[in-house]
Amino acid sequence: MANTASARKRIRQTEKRTERNRARKSRVRTFLRKVELAIAGGDKNAAATAFQAAQPELQRAAGKGVFHANTVARKLSRLSARIKAIGASAQA
């Protein structure tokens, strides 16, 4: 248990930060799920729209330190490639 005032304050700060980060992660996962569902449905326009909505959320999470920047870049790159492949597979 924390004995000093500064340690007690640190515990309070950590709890607040953890709660905020948990909410951010959940929000990002929700946006990613919408993109995944649109891709699974094969609707390229819906997937692109969902992707455009998800992109700033992911970037914001990276900026806040919730996700590593490279993780966000990797996820965006892979989702983008999958969305592009929807049109290619429909034409082929």
Protein backbone atom coordinates (compact mmCIF):
# COMPACT_ATOMS: atom_id res chain seq x y z
CA MET A 1 0.00 0.00 0.00
CA ALA A 2 1.19 3.51 -0.81
CA ASN A 3 2.53 5.39 2.18
CA THR A 4 3.42 8.80 0.77
CA ALA A 5 1.06 11.39 -0.65
CA SER A 6 2.89 11.35 -3.97
CA ALA A 7 2.51 7.57 -4.23
CA ARG A 8 -1.22 7.81 -3.48
CA LYS A 9 -1.54 10.48 -6.17
CA ARG A 10 0.35 8.26 -8.61
CA ILE A 11 -2.13 5.46 -7.95
CA ARG A 12 -5.04 7.82 -8.67
CA GLN A 13 -3.40 9.02 -11.87
CA THR A 14 -2.67 5.49 -13.03
CA GLU A 15 -6.29 4.44 -12.46
CA LYS A 16 -7.57 7.38 -14.51
CA ARG A 17 -5.07 6.78 -17.30
CA THR A 18 -5.85 3.06 -17.38
CA GLU A 19 -9.56 3.76 -17.68
CA ARG A 20 -9.01 6.26 -20.50
CA ASN A 21 -6.71 3.88 -22.36
CA ARG A 22 -9.16 1.02 -21.95
CA ALA A 23 -11.91 3.19 -23.47
CA ARG A 24 -9.63 4.19 -26.36
CA LYS A 25 -8.70 0.58 -27.08
CA SER A 26 -12.34 -0.45 -27.02
CA ARG A 27 -13.27 2.39 -29.37
CA VAL A 28 -10.52 1.41 -31.81
CA ARG A 29 -11.60 -2.24 -31.73
CA THR A 30 -15.18 -1.18 -32.50
CA PHE A 31 -14.05 0.80 -35.54
CA LEU A 32 -11.87 -2.10 -36.71
CA ARG A 33 -14.76 -4.52 -36.30
CA LYS A 34 -16.92 -2.34 -38.56
CA VAL A 35 -14.22 -2.43 -41.25
CA GLU A 36 -13.84 -6.20 -40.89
CA LEU A 37 -17.59 -6.73 -41.25
CA ALA A 38 -17.73 -4.55 -44.36
CA ILE A 39 -14.80 -6.45 -45.89
CA ALA A 40 -16.44 -9.78 -45.04
CA GLY A 41 -19.65 -8.57 -46.66
CA GLY A 42 -17.75 -7.81 -49.85
CA ASP A 43 -19.03 -4.23 -50.05
CA LYS A 44 -16.05 -2.15 -51.17
CA ASN A 45 -17.76 1.24 -50.68
CA ALA A 46 -18.91 0.40 -47.15
CA ALA A 47 -15.46 -0.99 -46.32
CA ALA A 48 -13.74 2.15 -47.63
CA THR A 49 -16.10 4.39 -45.66
CA ALA A 50 -15.57 2.37 -42.47
CA PHE A 51 -11.82 2.43 -43.10
CA GLN A 52 -11.83 6.23 -43.45
CA ALA A 53 -13.66 6.48 -40.13
CA ALA A 54 -11.29 4.04 -38.42
CA GLN A 55 -8.07 5.59 -39.67
CA PRO A 56 -8.10 8.77 -37.52
CA GLU A 57 -9.12 6.75 -34.45
CA LEU A 58 -6.13 4.45 -34.89
CA GLN A 59 -3.79 7.37 -35.49
CA ARG A 60 -5.10 9.14 -32.40
CA ALA A 61 -4.58 6.01 -30.30
CA ALA A 62 -0.99 5.82 -31.56
CA GLY A 63 -0.45 9.48 -30.75
CA LYS A 64 -1.71 8.94 -27.20
CA GLY A 65 0.56 5.94 -26.75
CA VAL A 66 -2.20 3.36 -26.49
CA PHE A 67 -0.85 1.48 -29.52
CA HIS A 68 2.63 1.53 -30.97
CA ALA A 69 2.89 3.60 -34.15
CA ASN A 70 4.18 0.64 -36.16
CA THR A 71 1.27 -1.52 -35.01
CA VAL A 72 -1.18 1.07 -36.28
CA ALA A 73 0.70 1.42 -39.56
CA ARG A 74 0.67 -2.35 -40.03
CA LYS A 75 -3.05 -2.65 -39.31
CA LEU A 76 -3.94 0.20 -41.66
CA SER A 77 -1.74 -1.18 -44.41
CA ARG A 78 -3.24 -4.65 -44.18
CA LEU A 79 -6.81 -3.37 -44.05
CA SER A 80 -6.17 -1.12 -47.02
CA ALA A 81 -4.76 -4.01 -49.03
CA ARG A 82 -7.76 -6.18 -48.18
CA ILE A 83 -10.17 -3.42 -49.26
CA LYS A 84 -8.32 -3.03 -52.55
CA ALA A 85 -8.48 -6.79 -53.06
CA ILE A 86 -12.30 -6.72 -52.87
CA GLY A 87 -12.51 -4.93 -56.21
CA ALA A 88 -9.80 -7.08 -57.77
CA SER A 89 -11.43 -10.35 -56.79
CA ALA A 90 -14.83 -9.16 -58.08
CA GLN A 91 -13.33 -8.21 -61.47
CA ALA A 92 -11.27 -11.37 -61.88
